[in-house]
N, C-alpha and C. Protein backbone atom coordinates (compact mmCIF):
# COMPACT_ATOMS: atom_id res chain seq x y z
N MET A 1 117.42 86.68 83.94
CA MET A 1 117.58 86.70 85.64
C MET A 1 116.75 85.93 85.89
N LEU A 2 115.77 86.30 85.93
CA LEU A 2 114.39 85.11 86.06
C LEU A 2 114.55 83.55 86.23
N THR A 3 115.50 83.55 84.69
CA THR A 3 115.30 81.84 84.28
C THR A 3 116.88 80.72 85.18
N LEU A 4 117.60 82.16 85.92
CA LEU A 4 118.98 81.71 86.61
C LEU A 4 118.12 81.45 87.44
N ILE A 5 117.34 81.90 88.18
CA ILE A 5 116.63 81.95 89.53
C ILE A 5 116.28 80.53 89.50
N GLN A 6 115.28 80.44 88.36
CA GLN A 6 114.36 79.63 88.50
C GLN A 6 115.47 77.73 88.15
N GLU A 7 116.31 78.02 87.80
CA GLU A 7 117.23 76.61 87.45
C GLU A 7 117.90 76.77 89.01
N GLU A 8 118.61 77.25 89.61
CA GLU A 8 119.00 77.57 91.02
C GLU A 8 117.86 76.52 91.80
N PHE A 9 116.26 77.38 91.65
CA PHE A 9 115.54 77.19 92.64
C PHE A 9 115.18 74.93 92.43
N ASP A 10 115.37 74.85 90.87
CA ASP A 10 115.04 73.47 90.52
C ASP A 10 116.06 73.05 91.11
N LYS A 11 117.38 73.11 91.46
CA LYS A 11 118.13 72.53 92.00
C LYS A 11 117.95 71.32 93.32
N PHE A 12 116.35 72.35 94.08
CA PHE A 12 116.73 71.47 95.39
C PHE A 12 115.23 70.37 95.10
N GLU A 13 115.60 69.84 96.48
CA GLU A 13 114.22 68.71 96.87
C GLU A 13 113.22 69.77 97.55
N GLY A 14 112.25 69.39 97.75
CA GLY A 14 111.35 69.60 99.03
C GLY A 14 111.23 71.72 98.77
N LYS A 15 110.54 71.71 99.54
CA LYS A 15 109.78 72.97 99.24
C LYS A 15 110.86 73.94 99.69
N ILE A 16 110.43 75.48 99.80
CA ILE A 16 111.96 76.00 99.28
C ILE A 16 111.30 77.01 100.50
N ASN A 17 112.54 77.11 101.36
CA ASN A 17 112.56 77.92 102.18
C ASN A 17 113.61 78.81 102.10
N SER A 18 114.03 79.93 103.42
CA SER A 18 114.83 80.54 103.33
C SER A 18 116.48 80.57 103.46
N LYS A 19 116.42 79.17 103.75
CA LYS A 19 117.96 78.84 104.09
C LYS A 19 118.21 78.87 102.21
N LYS A 20 117.27 77.70 101.75
CA LYS A 20 117.74 77.86 100.27
C LYS A 20 117.54 78.88 99.19
N ARG A 21 116.70 79.90 99.80
CA ARG A 21 116.70 80.81 98.88
C ARG A 21 117.94 81.84 98.90
N ASN A 22 118.70 82.18 100.05
CA ASN A 22 120.00 82.52 101.00
C ASN A 22 121.14 82.01 99.94
N LYS A 23 120.59 80.54 99.83
CA LYS A 23 121.88 80.12 98.62
C LYS A 23 121.95 80.49 97.36
N VAL A 24 120.51 80.33 96.92
CA VAL A 24 120.82 81.27 95.22
C VAL A 24 120.95 83.13 95.63
N GLN A 25 120.39 83.52 96.42
CA GLN A 25 120.77 84.83 96.26
C GLN A 25 121.97 85.21 96.65
N ARG A 26 123.21 84.49 97.54
CA ARG A 26 124.41 84.46 97.25
C ARG A 26 125.26 83.93 96.15
N LYS A 27 124.81 83.11 95.48
CA LYS A 27 125.26 82.33 94.52
C LYS A 27 124.84 83.18 92.65
N LEU A 28 123.71 84.12 92.56
CA LEU A 28 123.41 85.02 91.62
C LEU A 28 123.83 86.34 92.28
N TYR A 29 124.09 86.90 93.13
CA TYR A 29 124.47 88.18 93.51
C TYR A 29 125.33 88.38 92.47
N LYS A 30 126.63 88.10 92.36
CA LYS A 30 127.57 88.44 91.14
C LYS A 30 127.33 88.67 89.81
N LYS A 31 126.24 88.03 89.26
CA LYS A 31 125.92 88.13 88.36
C LYS A 31 124.91 89.75 88.26
N LEU A 32 124.55 90.18 88.90
CA LEU A 32 123.38 91.30 88.84
C LEU A 32 124.22 92.46 88.21
N PRO A 33 123.39 93.48 87.38
CA PRO A 33 124.60 94.25 86.86
C PRO A 33 124.87 95.79 88.24
N ASN A 34 125.84 96.36 87.47
CA ASN A 34 126.68 97.52 88.41
C ASN A 34 125.51 98.69 88.36
N ASN A 35 125.42 98.91 87.41
CA ASN A 35 124.88 99.74 86.89
C ASN A 35 123.30 99.97 87.94
N LYS A 36 123.41 100.71 88.46
CA LYS A 36 121.97 101.12 89.84
C LYS A 36 121.00 101.40 88.49
N LYS A 37 120.39 102.33 87.36
CA LYS A 37 119.63 102.29 86.69
C LYS A 37 119.29 101.06 86.15
N GLU A 38 120.01 100.04 85.39
CA GLU A 38 119.95 98.75 85.12
C GLU A 38 119.06 97.73 86.50
N LEU A 39 119.89 98.40 86.98
CA LEU A 39 119.45 97.00 88.23
C LEU A 39 118.40 97.39 88.75
N ILE A 40 117.79 98.81 89.08
CA ILE A 40 116.40 98.58 89.80
C ILE A 40 116.02 98.57 88.44
N LYS A 41 115.31 98.67 87.05
CA LYS A 41 114.87 97.97 86.22
C LYS A 41 114.72 96.43 86.09
N LEU A 42 115.69 96.27 86.48
CA LEU A 42 115.61 94.49 86.51
C LEU A 42 114.84 94.19 87.96
N PHE A 43 115.35 94.62 89.36
CA PHE A 43 114.11 94.35 90.03
C PHE A 43 112.46 94.27 89.19
N ASP A 44 112.00 95.36 88.88
CA ASP A 44 111.27 95.92 89.36
C ASP A 44 110.57 95.09 87.94
N ASN A 45 111.18 94.63 87.08
CA ASN A 45 110.86 93.04 85.98
C ASN A 45 110.30 92.30 87.13
N LEU A 46 111.13 91.72 87.63
CA LEU A 46 111.31 90.45 88.59
C LEU A 46 109.82 90.69 89.41
N VAL A 47 110.14 91.62 90.24
CA VAL A 47 109.04 91.68 91.36
C VAL A 47 107.68 91.86 90.25
N LYS A 48 107.89 92.58 89.16
CA LYS A 48 106.00 92.30 88.49
C LYS A 48 105.88 90.72 87.88
N LYS A 49 106.84 89.65 88.31
CA LYS A 49 106.75 88.49 87.53
C LYS A 49 105.11 87.87 89.60
N GLY A 50 105.09 88.34 90.56
CA GLY A 50 104.90 87.65 91.29
C GLY A 50 105.04 86.73 92.12
N ASP A 51 105.97 86.59 92.04
CA ASP A 51 106.69 85.20 92.59
C ASP A 51 107.32 85.49 94.03
N GLY A 52 106.66 85.00 95.05
CA GLY A 52 106.84 85.28 96.56
C GLY A 52 108.55 85.23 96.39
N HIS A 53 109.00 84.24 95.99
CA HIS A 53 110.55 83.29 96.50
C HIS A 53 111.46 84.56 95.55
N VAL A 54 110.82 84.87 94.75
CA VAL A 54 111.39 86.42 93.68
C VAL A 54 111.70 87.12 94.24
N PHE A 55 110.43 87.69 94.93
CA PHE A 55 110.40 88.55 95.43
C PHE A 55 110.91 89.04 96.69
N TRP A 56 111.57 87.56 97.43
CA TRP A 56 112.37 87.81 98.58
C TRP A 56 113.76 88.32 98.13
N LEU A 57 114.13 87.36 96.89
CA LEU A 57 115.61 87.57 96.67
C LEU A 57 115.44 88.77 96.16
N VAL A 58 114.69 89.68 95.46
CA VAL A 58 115.05 91.32 95.26
C VAL A 58 115.28 92.19 96.46
N THR A 59 114.40 91.92 97.96
CA THR A 59 114.79 92.26 98.60
C THR A 59 116.10 92.32 98.98
N ILE A 60 116.39 91.49 99.41
CA ILE A 60 117.74 91.48 100.22
C ILE A 60 118.34 91.68 99.48
N TRP A 61 118.95 91.49 97.62
CA TRP A 61 119.72 92.40 96.72
C TRP A 61 119.24 93.81 97.23
N LEU A 62 118.57 94.05 97.06
CA LEU A 62 117.94 95.55 97.37
C LEU A 62 118.97 96.03 98.31
N LYS A 63 118.75 95.60 99.39
CA LYS A 63 119.07 96.06 100.67
C LYS A 63 121.11 95.72 100.77
N ARG A 64 121.42 95.00 99.96
CA ARG A 64 122.91 94.72 99.70
C ARG A 64 123.49 95.79 99.31
N LYS A 65 122.17 95.82 98.00
CA LYS A 65 123.42 97.02 96.87
C LYS A 65 122.92 98.53 97.25
N LYS A 66 122.33 98.27 98.10
CA LYS A 66 121.94 99.82 99.16
C LYS A 66 121.07 100.77 98.24
N LEU A 67 120.11 100.03 97.75
CA LEU A 67 119.19 101.20 96.34
C LEU A 67 118.41 102.23 97.31
N TYR A 68 118.83 102.75 97.84
CA TYR A 68 117.91 103.85 98.58
C TYR A 68 117.88 105.60 98.10
N ASN A 69 117.95 105.37 96.68
CA ASN A 69 118.45 106.60 96.17
C ASN A 69 116.41 107.28 96.50
N LYS A 70 116.17 108.54 96.03
CA LYS A 70 115.12 108.96 96.69
C LYS A 70 114.25 108.90 95.51
N GLU A 71 114.29 109.09 94.02
CA GLU A 71 113.63 108.79 93.12
C GLU A 71 113.18 107.09 93.01
N TYR A 72 113.78 106.37 93.51
CA TYR A 72 113.39 104.89 94.00
C TYR A 72 112.07 104.71 94.65
N ILE A 73 111.75 105.29 94.85
CA ILE A 73 110.66 105.55 96.11
C ILE A 73 109.15 105.12 95.03
N GLN A 74 109.68 105.72 94.05
CA GLN A 74 108.33 105.42 92.94
C GLN A 74 108.11 104.14 92.59
N TYR A 75 109.12 103.30 92.70
CA TYR A 75 109.23 101.72 92.22
C TYR A 75 109.01 101.30 93.32
N TYR A 76 109.01 101.63 94.72
CA TYR A 76 109.19 100.75 96.03
C TYR A 76 107.66 100.70 96.46
N GLU A 77 106.92 101.95 96.18
CA GLU A 77 105.52 102.73 96.44
C GLU A 77 104.69 101.58 95.17
N LYS A 78 104.66 101.65 94.25
CA LYS A 78 103.96 100.58 93.34
C LYS A 78 104.32 99.21 93.66
N TRP A 79 105.41 98.62 94.08
CA TRP A 79 105.22 97.63 94.67
C TRP A 79 104.57 97.02 95.89
N LEU A 80 104.50 98.20 96.85
CA LEU A 80 103.91 98.01 97.65
C LEU A 80 102.04 97.90 97.34
N TYR A 81 101.37 99.07 96.53
CA TYR A 81 100.15 98.75 96.11
C TYR A 81 100.04 97.65 95.40
N ASN A 82 100.95 97.33 94.42
CA ASN A 82 100.40 95.83 93.55
C ASN A 82 101.03 94.88 93.59
N GLU A 83 101.82 94.32 94.38
CA GLU A 83 102.51 93.45 94.66
C GLU A 83 102.31 92.70 96.11
N ILE A 84 102.25 93.63 96.70
CA ILE A 84 102.35 92.48 98.28
C ILE A 84 100.88 91.69 98.83
N LYS A 85 101.32 90.56 99.01
CA LYS A 85 99.91 89.56 99.28
C LYS A 85 99.79 89.33 100.73
N SER A 86 101.22 89.14 101.22
CA SER A 86 100.47 88.47 102.24
C SER A 86 101.54 89.58 103.85
N TRP A 87 100.81 89.38 104.96
CA TRP A 87 102.00 89.94 105.60
C TRP A 87 103.10 89.78 105.85
N GLY A 88 103.70 88.73 105.56
CA GLY A 88 105.40 88.21 105.73
C GLY A 88 105.98 89.09 104.63
N ALA A 89 105.32 89.42 103.28
CA ALA A 89 106.19 90.26 101.98
C ALA A 89 105.91 91.21 102.47
N CYS A 90 105.19 91.68 103.38
CA CYS A 90 104.68 92.81 103.30
C CYS A 90 106.19 93.74 104.93
N ASP A 91 106.22 92.53 105.52
CA ASP A 91 107.52 93.06 106.65
C ASP A 91 108.53 92.97 106.22
N VAL A 92 109.27 92.05 105.15
CA VAL A 92 110.21 91.83 104.77
C VAL A 92 110.51 93.26 103.67
N PHE A 93 109.47 93.55 103.09
CA PHE A 93 109.53 94.98 102.56
C PHE A 93 109.73 96.06 103.10
N CYS A 94 109.16 95.88 104.36
CA CYS A 94 109.01 96.87 105.57
C CYS A 94 110.38 97.09 105.71
N TYR A 95 111.08 95.72 106.11
CA TYR A 95 112.49 95.75 106.86
C TYR A 95 113.52 96.37 106.05
N ARG A 96 113.84 95.92 104.70
CA ARG A 96 114.82 95.78 104.12
C ARG A 96 114.68 97.48 103.45
N VAL A 97 113.33 97.46 102.89
CA VAL A 97 113.33 98.38 101.93
C VAL A 97 113.24 99.79 102.42
N LEU A 98 111.36 100.10 102.94
CA LEU A 98 110.90 100.71 102.89
C LEU A 98 111.41 101.73 104.54
N ASN A 99 111.48 101.09 105.45
CA ASN A 99 112.45 101.56 106.33
C ASN A 99 113.72 101.90 106.16
N PRO A 100 115.06 101.96 105.17
CA PRO A 100 115.81 102.62 105.28
C PRO A 100 115.45 103.96 104.23
N MET A 101 114.11 103.92 103.90
CA MET A 101 113.69 104.87 102.60
C MET A 101 113.55 106.13 103.34
N VAL A 102 112.59 105.70 104.45
CA VAL A 102 111.50 106.98 105.26
C VAL A 102 112.39 107.41 105.75
N GLU A 103 113.42 106.53 106.80
CA GLU A 103 114.56 107.06 107.46
C GLU A 103 115.59 108.13 107.02
N LYS A 104 116.15 107.56 105.98
CA LYS A 104 116.94 108.61 105.14
C LYS A 104 116.89 109.66 104.42
N PHE A 105 114.88 109.88 104.22
CA PHE A 105 114.43 110.79 103.49
C PHE A 105 112.73 111.33 104.43
N PRO A 106 113.16 112.22 105.16
CA PRO A 106 112.31 112.37 106.74
C PRO A 106 110.83 112.88 106.23
N GLU A 107 111.08 113.38 105.07
CA GLU A 107 110.13 113.88 104.31
C GLU A 107 109.01 112.91 103.82
N PHE A 108 109.05 111.82 103.51
CA PHE A 108 108.34 110.78 103.02
C PHE A 108 107.90 110.41 104.40
N TYR A 109 108.16 110.75 105.46
CA TYR A 109 106.88 110.46 107.08
C TYR A 109 105.50 111.31 106.36
N ASN A 110 105.29 112.07 105.99
CA ASN A 110 104.45 112.97 106.00
C ASN A 110 103.53 112.51 104.03
N SER A 111 104.69 112.70 103.54
CA SER A 111 103.94 112.47 102.25
C SER A 111 103.80 111.17 101.99
N LYS A 112 103.99 109.76 102.50
CA LYS A 112 104.19 108.50 102.03
C LYS A 112 103.83 107.76 103.07
N VAL A 113 104.44 107.90 104.41
CA VAL A 113 103.44 106.99 105.39
C VAL A 113 102.67 107.02 106.15
N LEU A 114 102.07 108.64 106.14
CA LEU A 114 100.91 108.98 106.34
C LEU A 114 99.88 108.49 105.43
N LYS A 115 99.86 109.00 104.12
CA LYS A 115 99.36 108.40 103.57
C LYS A 115 98.94 107.11 102.91
N TRP A 116 99.97 106.33 103.37
CA TRP A 116 99.61 105.01 103.33
C TRP A 116 98.93 104.49 104.35
N THR A 117 98.22 105.11 105.42
CA THR A 117 96.65 104.72 106.25
C THR A 117 95.54 105.15 105.73
N GLU A 118 95.55 105.40 104.45
CA GLU A 118 94.35 105.72 104.07
C GLU A 118 93.86 104.81 102.88
N SER A 119 94.83 103.74 102.63
CA SER A 119 94.82 102.91 101.79
C SER A 119 93.55 102.38 102.00
N GLU A 120 92.51 101.54 101.14
CA GLU A 120 91.79 100.05 101.32
C GLU A 120 92.76 98.65 101.53
N LEU A 121 93.83 98.50 101.23
CA LEU A 121 94.73 97.71 101.02
C LEU A 121 95.06 97.51 102.82
N THR A 122 94.94 96.43 103.03
CA THR A 122 95.12 95.88 104.84
C THR A 122 96.81 95.98 104.23
N TYR A 123 97.61 95.61 103.34
CA TYR A 123 98.75 95.53 104.24
C TYR A 123 99.55 96.58 103.39
N VAL A 124 99.36 97.70 102.63
CA VAL A 124 99.52 99.14 102.38
C VAL A 124 99.24 99.65 104.11
N ARG A 125 98.32 99.63 104.39
CA ARG A 125 98.48 100.28 105.96
C ARG A 125 98.64 100.06 106.97
N ARG A 126 99.11 98.65 107.37
CA ARG A 126 99.98 97.69 107.82
C ARG A 126 101.55 98.37 107.48
N ALA A 127 101.77 98.93 106.46
CA ALA A 127 103.51 99.34 106.15
C ALA A 127 103.33 100.71 106.96
N THR A 128 102.75 101.25 107.18
CA THR A 128 102.87 102.17 107.70
C THR A 128 103.47 101.94 109.46
N PRO A 129 102.92 101.46 110.41
CA PRO A 129 103.75 101.27 111.25
C PRO A 129 105.26 100.16 111.23
N VAL A 130 104.96 99.27 110.29
CA VAL A 130 106.24 98.28 110.19
C VAL A 130 107.53 98.93 109.53
N SER A 131 107.09 99.60 108.78
CA SER A 131 107.77 100.68 107.84
C SER A 131 108.66 101.29 108.87
N MET A 132 108.14 101.96 110.28
CA MET A 132 109.00 102.83 110.99
C MET A 132 109.35 101.91 112.16
N LEU A 133 109.57 101.03 111.85
CA LEU A 133 111.08 99.73 113.11
C LEU A 133 111.94 99.32 111.84
N GLU A 134 113.37 100.00 112.56
CA GLU A 134 114.53 99.60 112.31
C GLU A 134 114.73 98.48 112.35
N SER A 135 114.45 97.21 111.66
CA SER A 135 115.39 95.82 111.63
C SER A 135 116.92 95.88 111.73
N SER A 136 116.59 95.08 113.64
CA SER A 136 118.11 94.54 114.11
C SER A 136 117.78 93.81 114.89
N ARG A 137 119.28 93.72 116.04
CA ARG A 137 118.38 92.54 116.82
C ARG A 137 117.51 92.38 117.18
N SER A 138 117.56 93.95 117.88
CA SER A 138 116.22 93.88 118.90
C SER A 138 115.92 95.36 117.22
N PHE A 139 114.38 95.34 117.15
CA PHE A 139 114.12 96.66 116.51
C PHE A 139 113.93 97.66 117.20
N ASN A 140 114.85 98.96 116.07
CA ASN A 140 114.73 99.93 117.18
C ASN A 140 113.68 100.70 116.46
N VAL A 141 112.98 101.93 117.08
CA VAL A 141 112.49 103.00 117.07
C VAL A 141 113.15 104.50 116.23
N ASN A 142 113.35 104.80 115.60
CA ASN A 142 114.05 105.90 115.22
C ASN A 142 113.17 107.24 115.13
N PHE A 143 111.89 107.02 114.85
CA PHE A 143 110.92 108.19 114.94
C PHE A 143 110.59 109.07 116.17
N SER A 144 110.40 110.35 116.30
CA SER A 144 109.67 110.85 117.62
C SER A 144 108.69 110.14 117.98
N PHE A 145 108.62 110.21 119.22
CA PHE A 145 107.32 109.93 119.85
C PHE A 145 106.05 110.17 119.19
N GLU A 146 105.88 111.63 118.62
CA GLU A 146 104.74 112.15 118.44
C GLU A 146 104.71 111.45 117.16
N LYS A 147 105.44 111.46 116.19
CA LYS A 147 104.99 110.88 115.13
C LYS A 147 104.54 109.75 115.73
N VAL A 148 104.78 108.96 116.30
CA VAL A 148 104.97 107.04 116.36
C VAL A 148 102.94 107.66 116.86
N LYS A 149 102.84 108.28 117.63
CA LYS A 149 101.63 108.67 118.13
C LYS A 149 100.42 109.21 117.54
N LYS A 150 101.00 109.79 116.38
CA LYS A 150 100.05 110.40 115.46
C LYS A 150 99.80 109.22 114.46
N VAL A 151 100.81 108.36 113.89
CA VAL A 151 100.21 106.75 113.40
C VAL A 151 99.01 105.76 114.27
N VAL A 152 99.76 105.62 115.47
CA VAL A 152 98.66 104.89 116.51
C VAL A 152 97.48 105.30 116.25
N ASN A 153 97.22 107.07 116.42
CA ASN A 153 95.60 107.30 116.65
C ASN A 153 94.63 107.54 115.91
N ILE A 154 95.65 107.16 114.56
CA ILE A 154 95.18 107.22 113.40
C ILE A 154 94.43 105.79 112.92
N LEU A 155 95.47 104.56 113.00
CA LEU A 155 95.38 103.66 112.62
C LEU A 155 94.92 102.27 114.62
N LYS A 156 94.12 103.22 115.22
CA LYS A 156 93.92 102.16 116.36
C LYS A 156 92.74 101.68 116.56
N ASP A 157 91.20 102.20 115.54
CA ASP A 157 90.45 101.58 115.11
C ASP A 157 90.21 100.95 113.99
N ASP A 158 91.43 100.81 113.26
CA ASP A 158 91.44 99.99 112.11
C ASP A 158 91.39 98.09 112.30
N GLN A 159 90.15 97.92 111.54
CA GLN A 159 89.15 96.47 112.14
C GLN A 159 90.43 95.48 111.17
N GLU A 160 91.48 95.45 110.46
CA GLU A 160 91.79 94.30 109.94
C GLU A 160 93.23 93.71 111.40
N TYR A 161 92.99 92.74 111.57
CA TYR A 161 93.75 91.84 112.60
C TYR A 161 95.65 92.11 112.51
N TYR A 162 96.18 92.30 111.16
CA TYR A 162 97.04 92.30 110.32
C TYR A 162 97.89 93.62 110.81
N VAL A 163 96.70 94.78 110.50
CA VAL A 163 96.99 96.28 110.91
C VAL A 163 97.68 96.46 112.60
N LYS A 164 96.39 95.93 113.16
CA LYS A 164 96.00 96.26 114.81
C LYS A 164 97.39 95.46 115.14
N LYS A 165 98.37 94.47 114.58
CA LYS A 165 99.04 94.24 114.88
C LYS A 165 100.22 94.73 114.82
N GLY A 166 100.64 95.02 113.85
CA GLY A 166 101.35 96.06 113.38
C GLY A 166 101.79 97.37 114.25
N VAL A 167 99.86 97.87 114.46
CA VAL A 167 100.25 98.92 115.22
C VAL A 167 100.97 98.62 116.56
N GLY A 168 100.63 97.37 117.31
CA GLY A 168 100.72 96.97 118.40
C GLY A 168 102.59 96.69 118.57
N TRP A 169 103.07 96.39 117.21
CA TRP A 169 104.30 95.99 117.36
C TRP A 169 105.34 97.43 117.86
N LEU A 170 104.93 98.09 116.61
CA LEU A 170 105.31 99.88 116.89
C LEU A 170 105.65 99.76 118.09
N LEU A 171 104.38 100.12 118.87
CA LEU A 171 104.10 100.53 120.40
C LEU A 171 105.25 99.79 121.24
N LYS A 172 105.08 98.41 121.32
CA LYS A 172 105.98 97.46 121.73
C LYS A 172 107.51 98.16 121.35
N TYR A 173 108.12 98.40 120.79
CA TYR A 173 109.63 99.12 120.82
C TYR A 173 109.83 100.12 120.84
N THR A 174 108.12 100.88 120.85
CA THR A 174 108.62 102.38 121.07
C THR A 174 108.24 102.86 123.23
N TYR A 175 108.33 101.48 123.37
CA TYR A 175 108.25 101.28 124.53
C TYR A 175 110.39 101.14 125.30
N ILE A 176 110.44 100.95 124.12
CA ILE A 176 112.03 100.32 124.63
C ILE A 176 112.91 102.23 124.48
N SER A 177 112.33 102.70 123.19
CA SER A 177 112.92 104.31 122.91
C SER A 177 112.45 105.05 123.74
N TYR A 178 110.66 105.12 124.40
CA TYR A 178 110.21 106.24 125.14
C TYR A 178 109.47 105.56 126.32
N PRO A 179 110.05 105.15 127.37
CA PRO A 179 109.46 104.18 128.41
C PRO A 179 108.18 104.93 129.01
N GLU A 180 108.98 105.85 129.27
CA GLU A 180 107.49 106.78 130.40
C GLU A 180 106.45 107.28 129.40
N ARG A 181 107.03 107.94 128.60
CA ARG A 181 105.87 108.58 127.87
C ARG A 181 105.11 107.35 126.90
N THR A 182 105.39 106.23 126.64
CA THR A 182 104.41 105.43 126.30
C THR A 182 104.17 104.50 127.48
N TYR A 183 104.49 104.57 128.15
CA TYR A 183 103.53 103.89 129.19
C TYR A 183 102.08 105.08 129.78
N GLN A 184 102.59 106.36 129.73
CA GLN A 184 101.72 107.27 129.89
C GLN A 184 100.45 107.13 128.51
N TYR A 185 101.15 106.79 127.52
CA TYR A 185 99.88 107.02 126.45
C TYR A 185 99.22 106.03 127.06
N LEU A 186 99.55 104.47 127.04
CA LEU A 186 99.12 103.33 127.55
C LEU A 186 97.59 103.27 128.29
N GLN A 187 98.23 104.35 129.44
CA GLN A 187 97.77 104.35 130.62
C GLN A 187 96.36 105.38 130.34
N GLU A 188 96.41 106.34 129.52
CA GLU A 188 95.66 107.49 129.37
C GLU A 188 94.49 106.59 128.31
N ASN A 189 95.14 105.85 127.74
CA ASN A 189 94.41 105.23 126.20
C ASN A 189 93.55 103.91 126.03
N VAL A 190 93.68 103.17 127.50
CA VAL A 190 93.92 101.98 127.56
C VAL A 190 91.96 101.44 127.24
N ALA A 191 91.21 102.04 127.50
CA ALA A 191 89.88 102.21 126.95
C ALA A 191 89.52 102.59 125.58
N GLU A 192 90.38 103.09 124.65
CA GLU A 192 90.47 103.19 123.47
C GLU A 192 91.36 102.12 122.64
N LEU A 193 92.03 101.24 122.92
CA LEU A 193 92.78 100.56 121.84
C LEU A 193 92.44 99.19 122.22
N ASP A 194 92.30 98.94 120.99
CA ASP A 194 91.71 97.36 120.71
C ASP A 194 92.88 96.38 121.85
N ARG A 195 92.49 94.88 122.01
CA ARG A 195 93.21 94.50 123.11
C ARG A 195 94.37 93.96 122.32
N ILE A 196 93.88 93.98 120.62
CA ILE A 196 94.98 93.37 120.40
C ILE A 196 97.02 94.10 120.05
N ILE A 197 96.52 95.29 120.05
CA ILE A 197 96.85 96.27 119.86
C ILE A 197 97.86 96.57 121.32
N PHE A 198 96.77 96.66 122.63
CA PHE A 198 97.70 96.57 123.89
C PHE A 198 98.28 95.77 124.19
N ARG A 199 97.82 94.06 123.85
CA ARG A 199 98.65 93.16 124.15
C ARG A 199 100.05 93.31 124.00
N TYR A 200 100.17 93.51 122.50
CA TYR A 200 101.44 93.19 121.64
C TYR A 200 102.48 94.69 122.35
N ALA A 201 101.68 95.77 122.99
CA ALA A 201 102.46 97.07 122.84
C ALA A 201 102.79 96.73 124.69
N LEU A 202 102.40 95.71 125.23
CA LEU A 202 103.30 95.28 126.69
C LEU A 202 104.33 94.23 126.80
N GLU A 203 104.61 93.70 125.42
CA GLU A 203 105.61 92.51 125.35
C GLU A 203 107.02 93.48 125.82
N LYS A 204 107.17 94.41 125.80
CA LYS A 204 109.04 94.90 126.44
C LYS A 204 108.40 95.95 127.51
N ALA A 205 107.81 95.97 127.96
CA ALA A 205 107.29 96.88 128.93
C ALA A 205 107.95 95.76 130.11
N PRO A 206 108.61 96.90 131.38
CA PRO A 206 108.95 96.37 132.40
C PRO A 206 107.70 95.40 133.16
N LYS A 207 108.27 94.18 133.54
CA LYS A 207 107.45 93.30 134.60
C LYS A 207 105.93 94.30 135.34
N LYS A 208 106.73 95.32 136.12
CA LYS A 208 105.93 96.30 137.17
C LYS A 208 104.48 96.68 136.18
N GLU A 209 105.25 97.55 135.41
CA GLU A 209 104.95 98.39 134.82
C GLU A 209 103.64 97.38 134.04
N LYS A 210 104.31 96.53 133.40
CA LYS A 210 102.81 95.52 132.65
C LYS A 210 102.14 94.73 133.53
N GLU A 211 102.06 94.37 134.86
CA GLU A 211 100.98 94.46 135.92
C GLU A 211 99.80 95.29 135.82
N THR A 212 100.73 96.43 135.92
CA THR A 212 100.13 97.66 136.67
C THR A 212 98.98 98.22 135.39
N LEU A 213 99.29 97.64 134.01
CA LEU A 213 98.61 98.27 132.76
C LEU A 213 97.66 97.22 132.70
N MET A 214 98.30 96.11 132.79
CA MET A 214 97.08 95.13 132.77
C MET A 214 95.67 95.01 133.19
N GLN A 215 96.23 95.44 134.45
CA GLN A 215 95.04 95.42 135.45
C GLN A 215 93.93 96.76 135.18
N LEU A 216 94.52 97.47 134.46
CA LEU A 216 93.47 99.17 134.21
C LEU A 216 92.03 98.26 133.28
């Protein structure tokens, strides 16, 4: 499969982008094994190659194949810790793989999502808030406000920019799901929230509420 992928990429001129990757994933999708155990092992081997374009293909194939069995978290968590080297890879992985898993299996909130906040790796910590966002036309937050608040409180003092940005994104879309509670939380915690988090959190706020919060 890796050879086939490389042969397809070699046909393109210039830089590989999402449009070109999409052509490859559509063409090679039918060549993937149907057996899920064979498929997850194939994906594991492909991810270990450390190629960003191949990783992108794996995430979208995984989504199309709906490989969201509970036991597969052992692979996905291993990839998170060992293979995620950029915020872009982290986000794609969260949207297509981790979010469907943590929503399907609520017990992963305590055993996985909260555990990731303790990691020394920036993108593992970033995965905590980003994996709580359901990717759609407008991101949805399907977790309770209390669970969101717990994550925000743990990570609000994180020093890494991409972690703070992820926390801000989570609050931004939580504002849509829980407007009154999010407004109250921001109002009560304005002095404790990093300005990066606070700024992103306000992006979906109604104009009047946004203006009021910005003056605090």
